[in-house]
Amino acid sequence: MRQLKYMPRKSIDNRPVRRKRSVRSARRLTFVFILGCAVVLGMIFSGWVRWKQREILVLTNQLQAHREEVLEKRKQLMLELSQQKAPSRISRLAVEELGMIRLEQNLTIHVRDQDGGEATQ
């Protein structure tokens, strides 16, 4: 068999070699970076706006439901108030609870003041 001879390894120092930096490529890289940041920020802002819209929609629905409940309660209270103020109820309570008597419509009552004068109703 034949032996192959190899070249000894040489140590090459590449540190002094520097590439020329192109101003144009640096500008292009900066532009692409700024454009990418703007797109990402736009997407974040768009997502935030949609989230706020949904939040406001949920709040609006809750307020609408609460408003309907309040209006229903108001109707019930107004009905109860009209029932409480009904003249027939007041007359019935006056007779039953306070022991008052029903008077005829053309009845005149003469009342004397404490001073002795007369007052007519």
PDB file of N, CA and C in Angstrom:
ATOM      1  N   MET A   1       0.791  -1.165   0.000  1.00  0.00           N
ATOM      2  CA  MET A   1       0.000   0.000   0.000  1.00  0.00           C
ATOM      3  C   MET A   1       0.849   1.249   0.000  1.00  0.00           C
ATOM      4  N   ARG A   2       0.276   2.159  -0.650  1.00  0.00           N
ATOM      5  CA  ARG A   2       1.004   3.397  -0.776  1.00  0.00           C
ATOM      6  C   ARG A   2       0.578   4.390   0.277  1.00  0.00           C
ATOM      7  N   GLN A   3       1.475   5.082   0.845  1.00  0.00           N
ATOM      8  CA  GLN A   3       1.151   6.081   1.856  1.00  0.00           C
ATOM      9  C   GLN A   3       1.022   7.436   1.204  1.00  0.00           C
ATOM     10  N   LEU A   4      -0.044   8.099   1.637  1.00  0.00           N
ATOM     11  CA  LEU A   4      -0.277   9.440   1.134  1.00  0.00           C
ATOM     12  C   LEU A   4       0.336  10.449   2.085  1.00  0.00           C
ATOM     13  N   LYS A   5       0.885  11.429   1.493  1.00  0.00           N
ATOM     14  CA  LYS A   5       1.474  12.478   2.311  1.00  0.00           C
ATOM     15  C   LYS A   5       0.500  13.655   2.346  1.00  0.00           C
ATOM     16  N   TYR A   6       0.285  14.104   3.517  1.00  0.00           N
ATOM     17  CA  TYR A   6      -0.601  15.249   3.695  1.00  0.00           C
ATOM     18  C   TYR A   6       0.218  16.475   3.970  1.00  0.00           C
ATOM     19  N   MET A   7      -0.396  17.556   3.597  1.00  0.00           N
ATOM     20  CA  MET A   7       0.262  18.826   3.876  1.00  0.00           C
ATOM     21  C   MET A   7       0.043  19.161   5.345  1.00  0.00           C
ATOM     22  N   PRO A   8       1.002  19.705   5.947  1.00  0.00           N
ATOM     23  CA  PRO A   8       0.801  20.100   7.338  1.00  0.00           C
ATOM     24  C   PRO A   8      -0.203  21.246   7.423  1.00  0.00           C
ATOM     25  N   ARG A   9      -0.914  21.272   8.505  1.00  0.00           N
ATOM     26  CA  ARG A   9      -1.921  22.319   8.695  1.00  0.00           C
ATOM     27  C   ARG A   9      -1.252  23.651   8.949  1.00  0.00           C
ATOM     28  N   LYS A  10      -1.833  24.634   8.303  1.00  0.00           N
ATOM     29  CA  LYS A  10      -1.341  25.974   8.517  1.00  0.00           C
ATOM     30  C   LYS A  10      -2.409  26.758   9.275  1.00  0.00           C
ATOM     31  N   SER A  11      -1.984  27.535  10.146  1.00  0.00           N
ATOM     32  CA  SER A  11      -2.900  28.391  10.892  1.00  0.00           C
ATOM     33  C   SER A  11      -3.021  29.701  10.140  1.00  0.00           C
ATOM     34  N   ILE A  12      -4.276  30.021   9.754  1.00  0.00           N
ATOM     35  CA  ILE A  12      -4.501  31.255   9.004  1.00  0.00           C
ATOM     36  C   ILE A  12      -5.314  32.184   9.900  1.00  0.00           C
ATOM     37  N   ASP A  13      -4.821  33.341  10.075  1.00  0.00           N
ATOM     38  CA  ASP A  13      -5.492  34.338  10.901  1.00  0.00           C
ATOM     39  C   ASP A  13      -6.320  35.246   9.997  1.00  0.00           C
ATOM     40  N   ASN A  14      -7.642  35.149  10.129  1.00  0.00           N
ATOM     41  CA  ASN A  14      -8.538  35.947   9.284  1.00  0.00           C
ATOM     42  C   ASN A  14      -9.006  37.229   9.964  1.00  0.00           C
ATOM     43  N   ARG A  15      -8.536  37.478  11.121  1.00  0.00           N
ATOM     44  CA  ARG A  15      -9.003  38.671  11.832  1.00  0.00           C
ATOM     45  C   ARG A  15      -8.686  39.970  11.117  1.00  0.00           C
ATOM     46  N   PRO A  16      -7.598  40.100  10.520  1.00  0.00           N
ATOM     47  CA  PRO A  16      -7.348  41.389   9.873  1.00  0.00           C
ATOM     48  C   PRO A  16      -8.196  41.611   8.624  1.00  0.00           C
ATOM     49  N   VAL A  17      -8.825  40.567   8.116  1.00  0.00           N
ATOM     50  CA  VAL A  17      -9.622  40.718   6.906  1.00  0.00           C
ATOM     51  C   VAL A  17     -10.998  41.246   7.314  1.00  0.00           C
ATOM     52  N   ARG A  18     -11.400  42.319   6.704  1.00  0.00           N
ATOM     53  CA  ARG A  18     -12.701  42.916   7.012  1.00  0.00           C
ATOM     54  C   ARG A  18     -13.472  43.145   5.727  1.00  0.00           C
ATOM     55  N   ARG A  19     -14.790  42.849   5.848  1.00  0.00           N
ATOM     56  CA  ARG A  19     -15.641  43.089   4.692  1.00  0.00           C
ATOM     57  C   ARG A  19     -16.024  44.551   4.641  1.00  0.00           C
ATOM     58  N   LYS A  20     -16.208  45.014   3.463  1.00  0.00           N
ATOM     59  CA  LYS A  20     -16.679  46.382   3.311  1.00  0.00           C
ATOM     60  C   LYS A  20     -18.169  46.393   3.610  1.00  0.00           C
ATOM     61  N   ARG A  21     -18.586  47.315   4.409  1.00  0.00           N
ATOM     62  CA  ARG A  21     -20.013  47.422   4.688  1.00  0.00           C
ATOM     63  C   ARG A  21     -20.626  48.414   3.727  1.00  0.00           C
ATOM     64  N   SER A  22     -21.697  47.960   3.128  1.00  0.00           N
ATOM     65  CA  SER A  22     -22.374  48.813   2.165  1.00  0.00           C
ATOM     66  C   SER A  22     -23.385  49.685   2.909  1.00  0.00           C
ATOM     67  N   VAL A  23     -23.364  50.952   2.646  1.00  0.00           N
ATOM     68  CA  VAL A  23     -24.309  51.884   3.262  1.00  0.00           C
ATOM     69  C   VAL A  23     -25.720  51.563   2.774  1.00  0.00           C
ATOM     70  N   ARG A  24     -25.828  51.184   1.532  1.00  0.00           N
ATOM     71  CA  ARG A  24     -27.127  50.865   0.945  1.00  0.00           C
ATOM     72  C   ARG A  24     -27.757  49.645   1.627  1.00  0.00           C
ATOM     73  N   SER A  25     -26.978  48.611   1.863  1.00  0.00           N
ATOM     74  CA  SER A  25     -27.526  47.422   2.509  1.00  0.00           C
ATOM     75  C   SER A  25     -27.872  47.703   3.973  1.00  0.00           C
ATOM     76  N   ALA A  26     -27.104  48.555   4.625  1.00  0.00           N
ATOM     77  CA  ALA A  26     -27.422  48.933   6.009  1.00  0.00           C
ATOM     78  C   ALA A  26     -28.735  49.706   6.057  1.00  0.00           C
ATOM     79  N   ARG A  27     -28.939  50.592   5.110  1.00  0.00           N
ATOM     80  CA  ARG A  27     -30.195  51.349   5.058  1.00  0.00           C
ATOM     81  C   ARG A  27     -31.370  50.421   4.779  1.00  0.00           C
ATOM     82  N   ARG A  28     -31.160  49.495   3.858  1.00  0.00           N
ATOM     83  CA  ARG A  28     -32.216  48.553   3.520  1.00  0.00           C
ATOM     84  C   ARG A  28     -32.583  47.703   4.739  1.00  0.00           C
ATOM     85  N   LEU A  29     -31.588  47.235   5.463  1.00  0.00           N
ATOM     86  CA  LEU A  29     -31.834  46.444   6.661  1.00  0.00           C
ATOM     87  C   LEU A  29     -32.588  47.258   7.718  1.00  0.00           C
ATOM     88  N   THR A  30     -32.193  48.522   7.893  1.00  0.00           N
ATOM     89  CA  THR A  30     -32.876  49.399   8.847  1.00  0.00           C
ATOM     90  C   THR A  30     -34.334  49.619   8.422  1.00  0.00           C
ATOM     91  N   PHE A  31     -34.545  49.848   7.118  1.00  0.00           N
ATOM     92  CA  PHE A  31     -35.897  50.066   6.607  1.00  0.00           C
ATOM     93  C   PHE A  31     -36.762  48.830   6.823  1.00  0.00           C
ATOM     94  N   VAL A  32     -36.239  47.656   6.532  1.00  0.00           N
ATOM     95  CA  VAL A  32     -36.994  46.414   6.713  1.00  0.00           C
ATOM     96  C   VAL A  32     -37.315  46.196   8.193  1.00  0.00           C
ATOM     97  N   PHE A  33     -36.368  46.487   9.074  1.00  0.00           N
ATOM     98  CA  PHE A  33     -36.608  46.339  10.510  1.00  0.00           C
ATOM     99  C   PHE A  33     -37.711  47.279  10.980  1.00  0.00           C
ATOM    100  N   ILE A  34     -37.647  48.537  10.559  1.00  0.00           N
ATOM    101  CA  ILE A  34     -38.665  49.516  10.971  1.00  0.00           C
ATOM    102  C   ILE A  34     -40.024  49.145  10.382  1.00  0.00           C
ATOM    103  N   LEU A  35     -40.047  48.710   9.148  1.00  0.00           N
ATOM    104  CA  LEU A  35     -41.293  48.297   8.523  1.00  0.00           C
ATOM    105  C   LEU A  35     -41.886  47.083   9.255  1.00  0.00           C
ATOM    106  N   GLY A  36     -41.060  46.133   9.621  1.00  0.00           N
ATOM    107  CA  GLY A  36     -41.525  44.967  10.371  1.00  0.00           C
ATOM    108  C   GLY A  36     -42.097  45.361  11.722  1.00  0.00           C
ATOM    109  N   CYS A  37     -41.408  46.286  12.406  1.00  0.00           N
ATOM    110  CA  CYS A  37     -41.919  46.768  13.704  1.00  0.00           C
ATOM    111  C   CYS A  37     -43.271  47.463  13.526  1.00  0.00           C
ATOM    112  N   ALA A  38     -43.403  48.263  12.455  1.00  0.00           N
ATOM    113  CA  ALA A  38     -44.665  48.962  12.207  1.00  0.00           C
ATOM    114  C   ALA A  38     -45.792  47.966  11.938  1.00  0.00           C
ATOM    115  N   VAL A  39     -45.527  46.918  11.198  1.00  0.00           N
ATOM    116  CA  VAL A  39     -46.554  45.909  10.908  1.00  0.00           C
ATOM    117  C   VAL A  39     -46.970  45.197  12.192  1.00  0.00           C
ATOM    118  N   VAL A  40     -45.985  44.825  13.004  1.00  0.00           N
ATOM    119  CA  VAL A  40     -46.296  44.134  14.264  1.00  0.00           C
ATOM    120  C   VAL A  40     -47.099  45.043  15.186  1.00  0.00           C
ATOM    121  N   LEU A  41     -46.694  46.315  15.304  1.00  0.00           N
ATOM    122  CA  LEU A  41     -47.432  47.249  16.158  1.00  0.00           C
ATOM    123  C   LEU A  41     -48.846  47.479  15.622  1.00  0.00           C
ATOM    124  N   GLY A  42     -48.996  47.539  14.302  1.00  0.00           N
ATOM    125  CA  GLY A  42     -50.328  47.683  13.706  1.00  0.00           C
ATOM    126  C   GLY A  42     -51.218  46.499  14.034  1.00  0.00           C
ATOM    127  N   MET A  43     -50.651  45.301  13.979  1.00  0.00           N
ATOM    128  CA  MET A  43     -51.430  44.104  14.304  1.00  0.00           C
ATOM    129  C   MET A  43     -51.822  44.098  15.777  1.00  0.00           C
ATOM    130  N   ILE A  44     -50.918  44.501  16.651  1.00  0.00           N
ATOM    131  CA  ILE A  44     -51.227  44.571  18.084  1.00  0.00           C
ATOM    132  C   ILE A  44     -52.328  45.598  18.333  1.00  0.00           C
ATOM    133  N   PHE A  45     -52.208  46.766  17.695  1.00  0.00           N
ATOM    134  CA  PHE A  45     -53.214  47.810  17.880  1.00  0.00           C
ATOM    135  C   PHE A  45     -54.572  47.342  17.359  1.00  0.00           C
ATOM    136  N   SER A  46     -54.598  46.688  16.210  1.00  0.00           N
ATOM    137  CA  SER A  46     -55.848  46.182  15.653  1.00  0.00           C
ATOM    138  C   SER A  46     -56.497  45.159  16.585  1.00  0.00           C
ATOM    139  N   GLY A  47     -55.691  44.278  17.153  1.00  0.00           N
ATOM    140  CA  GLY A  47     -56.218  43.304  18.114  1.00  0.00           C
ATOM    141  C   GLY A  47     -56.770  43.971  19.351  1.00  0.00           C
ATOM    142  N   TRP A  48     -56.089  45.014  19.826  1.00  0.00           N
ATOM    143  CA  TRP A  48     -56.552  45.744  21.013  1.00  0.00           C
ATOM    144  C   TRP A  48     -57.891  46.422  20.728  1.00  0.00           C
ATOM    145  N   VAL A  49     -58.020  47.016  19.539  1.00  0.00           N
ATOM    146  CA  VAL A  49     -59.264  47.700  19.176  1.00  0.00           C
ATOM    147  C   VAL A  49     -60.422  46.692  19.129  1.00  0.00           C
ATOM    148  N   ARG A  50     -60.185  45.531  18.513  1.00  0.00           N
ATOM    149  CA  ARG A  50     -61.240  44.508  18.460  1.00  0.00           C
ATOM    150  C   ARG A  50     -61.607  44.021  19.853  1.00  0.00           C
ATOM    151  N   TRP A  51     -60.627  43.861  20.714  1.00  0.00           N
ATOM    152  CA  TRP A  51     -60.890  43.417  22.090  1.00  0.00           C
ATOM    153  C   TRP A  51     -61.746  44.450  22.819  1.00  0.00           C
ATOM    154  N   LYS A  52     -61.405  45.728  22.651  1.00  0.00           N
ATOM    155  CA  LYS A  52     -62.186  46.789  23.296  1.00  0.00           C
ATOM    156  C   LYS A  52     -63.606  46.843  22.741  1.00  0.00           C
ATOM    157  N   GLN A  53     -63.766  46.621  21.424  1.00  0.00           N
ATOM    158  CA  GLN A  53     -65.102  46.618  20.841  1.00  0.00           C
ATOM    159  C   GLN A  53     -65.956  45.511  21.444  1.00  0.00           C
ATOM    160  N   ARG A  54     -65.384  44.343  21.602  1.00  0.00           N
ATOM    161  CA  ARG A  54     -66.139  43.235  22.210  1.00  0.00           C
ATOM    162  C   ARG A  54     -66.465  43.535  23.662  1.00  0.00           C
ATOM    163  N   GLU A  55     -65.511  44.113  24.368  1.00  0.00           N
ATOM    164  CA  GLU A  55     -65.741  44.460  25.776  1.00  0.00           C
ATOM    165  C   GLU A  55     -66.890  45.461  25.889  1.00  0.00           C
ATOM    166  N   ILE A  56     -66.904  46.455  25.013  1.00  0.00           N
ATOM    167  CA  ILE A  56     -67.970  47.465  25.028  1.00  0.00           C
ATOM    168  C   ILE A  56     -69.303  46.829  24.635  1.00  0.00           C
ATOM    169  N   LEU A  57     -69.290  45.906  23.684  1.00  0.00           N
ATOM    170  CA  LEU A  57     -70.513  45.223  23.276  1.00  0.00           C
ATOM    171  C   LEU A  57     -71.094  44.414  24.437  1.00  0.00           C
ATOM    172  N   VAL A  58     -70.248  43.713  25.170  1.00  0.00           N
ATOM    173  CA  VAL A  58     -70.715  42.935  26.324  1.00  0.00           C
ATOM    174  C   VAL A  58     -71.294  43.877  27.384  1.00  0.00           C
ATOM    175  N   LEU A  59     -70.598  44.972  27.643  1.00  0.00           N
ATOM    176  CA  LEU A  59     -71.073  45.943  28.632  1.00  0.00           C
ATOM    177  C   LEU A  59     -72.408  46.547  28.197  1.00  0.00           C
ATOM    178  N   THR A  60     -72.542  46.858  26.912  1.00  0.00           N
ATOM    179  CA  THR A  60     -73.793  47.414  26.394  1.00  0.00           C
ATOM    180  C   THR A  60     -74.938  46.428  26.579  1.00  0.00           C
ATOM    181  N   ASN A  61     -74.688  45.159  26.284  1.00  0.00           N
ATOM    182  CA  ASN A  61     -75.731  44.143  26.466  1.00  0.00           C
ATOM    183  C   ASN A  61     -76.123  44.008  27.930  1.00  0.00           C
ATOM    184  N   GLN A  62     -75.137  44.055  28.825  1.00  0.00           N
ATOM    185  CA  GLN A  62     -75.445  43.967  30.257  1.00  0.00           C
ATOM    186  C   GLN A  62     -76.279  45.172  30.702  1.00  0.00           C
ATOM    187  N   LEU A  63     -75.902  46.360  30.239  1.00  0.00           N
ATOM    188  CA  LEU A  63     -76.650  47.565  30.618  1.00  0.00           C
ATOM    189  C   LEU A  63     -78.068  47.536  30.046  1.00  0.00           C
ATOM    190  N   GLN A  64     -78.221  47.024  28.830  1.00  0.00           N
ATOM    191  CA  GLN A  64     -79.553  46.918  28.231  1.00  0.00           C
ATOM    192  C   GLN A  64     -80.428  45.964  29.040  1.00  0.00           C
ATOM    193  N   ALA A  65     -79.857  44.829  29.456  1.00  0.00           N
ATOM    194  CA  ALA A  65     -80.619  43.871  30.266  1.00  0.00           C
ATOM    195  C   ALA A  65     -80.994  44.498  31.610  1.00  0.00           C
ATOM    196  N   HIS A  66     -80.060  45.225  32.222  1.00  0.00           N
ATOM    197  CA  HIS A  66     -80.348  45.889  33.504  1.00  0.00           C
ATOM    198  C   HIS A  66     -81.434  46.945  33.317  1.00  0.00           C
ATOM    199  N   ARG A  67     -81.380  47.681  32.210  1.00  0.00           N
ATOM    200  CA  ARG A  67     -82.381  48.708  31.933  1.00  0.00           C
ATOM    201  C   ARG A  67     -83.769  48.078  31.803  1.00  0.00           C
ATOM    202  N   GLU A  68     -83.850  46.957  31.106  1.00  0.00           N
ATOM    203  CA  GLU A  68     -85.136  46.276  30.960  1.00  0.00           C
ATOM    204  C   GLU A  68     -85.672  45.800  32.309  1.00  0.00           C
ATOM    205  N   GLU A  69     -84.768  45.303  33.172  1.00  0.00           N
ATOM    206  CA  GLU A  69     -85.193  44.882  34.508  1.00  0.00           C
ATOM    207  C   GLU A  69     -85.725  46.069  35.304  1.00  0.00           C
ATOM    208  N   VAL A  70     -85.015  47.192  35.219  1.00  0.00           N
ATOM    209  CA  VAL A  70     -85.429  48.386  35.957  1.00  0.00           C
ATOM    210  C   VAL A  70     -86.768  48.904  35.435  1.00  0.00           C
ATOM    211  N   LEU A  71     -86.953  48.897  34.118  1.00  0.00           N
ATOM    212  CA  LEU A  71     -88.231  49.351  33.561  1.00  0.00           C
ATOM    213  C   LEU A  71     -89.384  48.434  33.986  1.00  0.00           C
ATOM    214  N   GLU A  72     -89.124  47.133  34.034  1.00  0.00           N
ATOM    215  CA  GLU A  72     -90.158  46.196  34.484  1.00  0.00           C
ATOM    216  C   GLU A  72     -90.506  46.443  35.951  1.00  0.00           C
ATOM    217  N   LYS A  73     -89.492  46.665  36.770  1.00  0.00           N
ATOM    218  CA  LYS A  73     -89.712  46.965  38.185  1.00  0.00           C
ATOM    219  C   LYS A  73     -90.484  48.267  38.340  1.00  0.00           C
ATOM    220  N   ARG A  74     -90.165  49.258  37.490  1.00  0.00           N
ATOM    221  CA  ARG A  74     -90.863  50.541  37.538  1.00  0.00           C
ATOM    222  C   ARG A  74     -92.340  50.351  37.194  1.00  0.00           C
ATOM    223  N   LYS A  75     -92.625  49.541  36.182  1.00  0.00           N
ATOM    224  CA  LYS A  75     -94.023  49.274  35.832  1.00  0.00           C
ATOM    225  C   LYS A  75     -94.767  48.644  36.997  1.00  0.00           C
ATOM    226  N   GLN A  76     -94.128  47.675  37.660  1.00  0.00           N
ATOM    227  CA  GLN A  76     -94.759  47.017  38.801  1.00  0.00           C
ATOM    228  C   GLN A  76     -95.025  48.013  39.923  1.00  0.00           C
ATOM    229  N   LEU A  77     -94.048  48.881  40.198  1.00  0.00           N
ATOM    230  CA  LEU A  77     -94.217  49.869  41.270  1.00  0.00           C
ATOM    231  C   LEU A  77     -95.290  50.896  40.921  1.00  0.00           C
ATOM    232  N   MET A  78     -95.363  51.310  39.667  1.00  0.00           N
ATOM    233  CA  MET A  78     -96.402  52.262  39.262  1.00  0.00           C
ATOM    234  C   MET A  78     -97.792  51.629  39.378  1.00  0.00           C
ATOM    235  N   LEU A  79     -97.902  50.361  39.028  1.00  0.00           N
ATOM    236  CA  LEU A  79     -99.175  49.642  39.165  1.00  0.00           C
ATOM    237  C   LEU A  79     -99.561  49.537  40.639  1.00  0.00           C
ATOM    238  N   GLU A  80     -98.588  49.203  41.468  1.00  0.00           N
ATOM    239  CA  GLU A  80     -98.865  49.105  42.902  1.00  0.00           C
ATOM    240  C   GLU A  80     -99.263  50.461  43.478  1.00  0.00           C
ATOM    241  N   LEU A  81     -98.597  51.525  43.023  1.00  0.00           N
ATOM    242  CA  LEU A  81     -98.936  52.872  43.496  1.00  0.00           C
ATOM    243  C   LEU A  81    -100.353  53.252  43.084  1.00  0.00           C
ATOM    244  N   SER A  82    -100.716  52.945  41.853  1.00  0.00           N
ATOM    245  CA  SER A  82    -102.080  53.287  41.412  1.00  0.00           C
ATOM    246  C   SER A  82    -103.115  52.481  42.194  1.00  0.00           C
ATOM    247  N   GLN A  83    -102.786  51.246  42.548  1.00  0.00           N
ATOM    248  CA  GLN A  83    -103.707  50.442  43.360  1.00  0.00           C
ATOM    249  C   GLN A  83    -103.803  51.017  44.773  1.00  0.00           C
ATOM    250  N   GLN A  84    -102.693  51.481  45.323  1.00  0.00           N
ATOM    251  CA  GLN A  84    -102.708  52.042  46.667  1.00  0.00           C
ATOM    252  C   GLN A  84    -103.474  53.365  46.715  1.00  0.00           C
ATOM    253  N   LYS A  85    -103.428  54.146  45.621  1.00  0.00           N
ATOM    254  CA  LYS A  85    -104.090  55.451  45.599  1.00  0.00           C
ATOM    255  C   LYS A  85    -105.545  55.381  45.133  1.00  0.00           C
ATOM    256  N   ALA A  86    -106.027  54.226  44.807  1.00  0.00           N
ATOM    257  CA  ALA A  86    -107.395  54.086  44.292  1.00  0.00           C
ATOM    258  C   ALA A  86    -108.396  54.571  45.333  1.00  0.00           C
ATOM    259  N   PRO A  87    -109.348  55.407  44.935  1.00  0.00           N
ATOM    260  CA  PRO A  87    -110.347  55.924  45.882  1.00  0.00           C
ATOM    261  C   PRO A  87    -111.176  54.817  46.532  1.00  0.00           C
ATOM    262  N   SER A  88    -111.449  53.765  45.818  1.00  0.00           N
ATOM    263  CA  SER A  88    -112.243  52.686  46.409  1.00  0.00           C
ATOM    264  C   SER A  88    -111.466  52.006  47.538  1.00  0.00           C
ATOM    265  N   ARG A  89    -110.169  51.857  47.383  1.00  0.00           N
ATOM    266  CA  ARG A  89    -109.344  51.250  48.432  1.00  0.00           C
ATOM    267  C   ARG A  89    -109.288  52.168  49.651  1.00  0.00           C
ATOM    268  N   ILE A  90    -109.097  53.452  49.403  1.00  0.00           N
ATOM    269  CA  ILE A  90    -109.022  54.409  50.512  1.00  0.00           C
ATOM    270  C   ILE A  90    -110.340  54.439  51.276  1.00  0.00           C
ATOM    271  N   SER A  91    -111.449  54.418  50.555  1.00  0.00           N
ATOM    272  CA  SER A  91    -112.770  54.423  51.195  1.00  0.00           C
ATOM    273  C   SER A  91    -112.968  53.145  52.013  1.00  0.00           C
ATOM    274  N   ARG A  92    -112.575  52.020  51.447  1.00  0.00           N
ATOM    275  CA  ARG A  92    -112.721  50.745  52.153  1.00  0.00           C
ATOM    276  C   ARG A  92    -111.876  50.733  53.425  1.00  0.00           C
ATOM    277  N   LEU A  93    -110.629  51.215  53.349  1.00  0.00           N
ATOM    278  CA  LEU A  93    -109.772  51.258  54.535  1.00  0.00           C
ATOM    279  C   LEU A  93    -110.321  52.209  55.592  1.00  0.00           C
ATOM    280  N   ALA A  94    -110.911  53.325  55.156  1.00  0.00           N
ATOM    281  CA  ALA A  94    -111.473  54.286  56.104  1.00  0.00           C
ATOM    282  C   ALA A  94    -112.625  53.656  56.880  1.00  0.00           C
ATOM    283  N   VAL A  95    -113.446  52.886  56.195  1.00  0.00           N
ATOM    284  CA  VAL A  95    -114.589  52.253  56.860  1.00  0.00           C
ATOM    285  C   VAL A  95    -114.133  51.086  57.721  1.00  0.00           C
ATOM    286  N   GLU A  96    -113.275  50.213  57.176  1.00  0.00           N
ATOM    287  CA  GLU A  96    -112.910  48.984  57.881  1.00  0.00           C
ATOM    288  C   GLU A  96    -111.905  49.218  59.017  1.00  0.00           C
ATOM    289  N   GLU A  97    -110.864  49.969  58.749  1.00  0.00           N
ATOM    290  CA  GLU A  97    -109.799  50.088  59.750  1.00  0.00           C
ATOM    291  C   GLU A  97    -109.971  51.281  60.689  1.00  0.00           C
ATOM    292  N   LEU A  98    -110.498  52.388  60.156  1.00  0.00           N
ATOM    293  CA  LEU A  98    -110.617  53.576  60.992  1.00  0.00           C
ATOM    294  C   LEU A  98    -112.010  53.753  61.595  1.00  0.00           C
ATOM    295  N   GLY A  99    -112.931  52.930  61.170  1.00  0.00           N
ATOM    296  CA  GLY A  99    -114.280  52.974  61.749  1.00  0.00           C
ATOM    297  C   GLY A  99    -115.101  54.161  61.293  1.00  0.00           C
ATOM    298  N   MET A 100    -114.778  54.736  60.174  1.00  0.00           N
ATOM    299  CA  MET A 100    -115.555  55.869  59.656  1.00  0.00           C
ATOM    300  C   MET A 100    -116.846  55.339  59.034  1.00  0.00           C
ATOM    301  N   ILE A 101    -117.798  56.257  58.861  1.00  0.00           N
ATOM    302  CA  ILE A 101    -119.068  55.853  58.257  1.00  0.00           C
ATOM    303  C   ILE A 101    -119.224  56.562  56.921  1.00  0.00           C
ATOM    304  N   ARG A 102    -119.995  55.943  56.055  1.00  0.00           N
ATOM    305  CA  ARG A 102    -120.247  56.558  54.749  1.00  0.00           C
ATOM    306  C   ARG A 102    -121.342  57.618  54.917  1.00  0.00           C
ATOM    307  N   LEU A 103    -121.107  58.758  54.291  1.00  0.00           N
ATOM    308  CA  LEU A 103    -122.076  59.849  54.364  1.00  0.00           C
ATOM    309  C   LEU A 103    -122.810  59.995  53.046  1.00  0.00           C
ATOM    310  N   GLU A 104    -123.973  60.551  53.158  1.00  0.00           N
ATOM    311  CA  GLU A 104    -124.710  60.854  51.938  1.00  0.00           C
ATOM    312  C   GLU A 104    -124.074  62.076  51.303  1.00  0.00           C
ATOM    313  N   GLN A 105    -124.268  62.235  50.023  1.00  0.00           N
ATOM    314  CA  GLN A 105    -123.580  63.313  49.310  1.00  0.00           C
ATOM    315  C   GLN A 105    -124.123  64.694  49.656  1.00  0.00           C
ATOM    316  N   ASN A 106    -125.394  64.853  49.943  1.00  0.00           N
ATOM    317  CA  ASN A 106    -125.985  66.168  50.172  1.00  0.00           C
ATOM    318  C   ASN A 106    -126.075  66.501  51.653  1.00  0.00           C
ATOM    319  N   LEU A 107    -125.270  65.861  52.446  1.00  0.00           N
ATOM    320  CA  LEU A 107    -125.323  66.097  53.875  1.00  0.00           C
ATOM    321  C   LEU A 107    -124.423  67.282  54.225  1.00  0.00           C
ATOM    322  N   THR A 108    -124.958  68.195  55.023  1.00  0.00           N
ATOM    323  CA  THR A 108    -124.199  69.354  55.466  1.00  0.00           C
ATOM    324  C   THR A 108    -123.864  69.177  56.926  1.00  0.00           C
ATOM    325  N   ILE A 109    -122.613  69.430  57.275  1.00  0.00           N
ATOM    326  CA  ILE A 109    -122.162  69.274  58.654  1.00  0.00           C
ATOM    327  C   ILE A 109    -121.791  70.654  59.173  1.00  0.00           C
ATOM    328  N   HIS A 110    -122.364  71.011  60.325  1.00  0.00           N
ATOM    329  CA  HIS A 110    -122.051  72.290  60.959  1.00  0.00           C
ATOM    330  C   HIS A 110    -121.058  72.027  62.075  1.00  0.00           C
ATOM    331  N   VAL A 111    -119.983  72.749  62.056  1.00  0.00           N
ATOM    332  CA  VAL A 111    -118.934  72.574  63.050  1.00  0.00           C
ATOM    333  C   VAL A 111    -118.689  73.921  63.701  1.00  0.00           C
ATOM    334  N   ARG A 112    -118.536  73.874  65.011  1.00  0.00           N
ATOM    335  CA  ARG A 112    -118.242  75.109  65.720  1.00  0.00           C
ATOM    336  C   ARG A 112    -116.752  75.194  65.985  1.00  0.00           C
ATOM    337  N   ASP A 113    -116.219  76.383  65.790  1.00  0.00           N
ATOM    338  CA  ASP A 113    -114.821  76.620  66.131  1.00  0.00           C
ATOM    339  C   ASP A 113    -114.677  76.688  67.624  1.00  0.00           C
ATOM    340  N   GLN A 114    -113.455  76.666  68.085  1.00  0.00           N
ATOM    341  CA  GLN A 114    -113.195  76.785  69.513  1.00  0.00           C
ATOM    342  C   GLN A 114    -113.539  78.207  70.002  1.00  0.00           C
ATOM    343  N   ASP A 115    -113.498  79.138  69.058  1.00  0.00           N
ATOM    344  CA  ASP A 115    -113.804  80.512  69.414  1.00  0.00           C
ATOM    345  C   ASP A 115    -115.312  80.761  69.508  1.00  0.00           C
ATOM    346  N   GLY A 116    -116.100  79.817  69.083  1.00  0.00           N
ATOM    347  CA  GLY A 116    -117.550  79.967  69.164  1.00  0.00           C
ATOM    348  C   GLY A 116    -118.179  80.298  67.840  1.00  0.00           C
ATOM    349  N   GLY A 117    -117.387  80.561  66.793  1.00  0.00           N
ATOM    350  CA  GLY A 117    -117.941  80.865  65.498  1.00  0.00           C
ATOM    351  C   GLY A 117    -118.339  79.582  64.786  1.00  0.00           C
ATOM    352  N   GLU A 118    -119.171  79.730  63.783  1.00  0.00           N
ATOM    353  CA  GLU A 118    -119.615  78.555  63.049  1.00  0.00           C
ATOM    354  C   GLU A 118    -118.877  78.453  61.720  1.00  0.00           C
ATOM    355  N   ALA A 119    -118.556  77.225  61.380  1.00  0.00           N
ATOM    356  CA  ALA A 119    -117.950  76.953  60.053  1.00  0.00           C
ATOM    357  C   ALA A 119    -118.808  75.886  59.404  1.00  0.00           C
ATOM    358  N   THR A 120    -119.157  76.078  58.150  1.00  0.00           N
ATOM    359  CA  THR A 120    -120.027  75.130  57.454  1.00  0.00           C
ATOM    360  C   THR A 120    -119.234  74.436  56.370  1.00  0.00           C
ATOM    361  N   GLN A 121    -119.462  73.137  56.287  1.00  0.00           N
ATOM    362  CA  GLN A 121    -118.817  72.374  55.206  1.00  0.00           C
ATOM    363  C   GLN A 121    -119.886  71.790  54.330  1.00  0.00           C
TER     364      GLN A 121
END
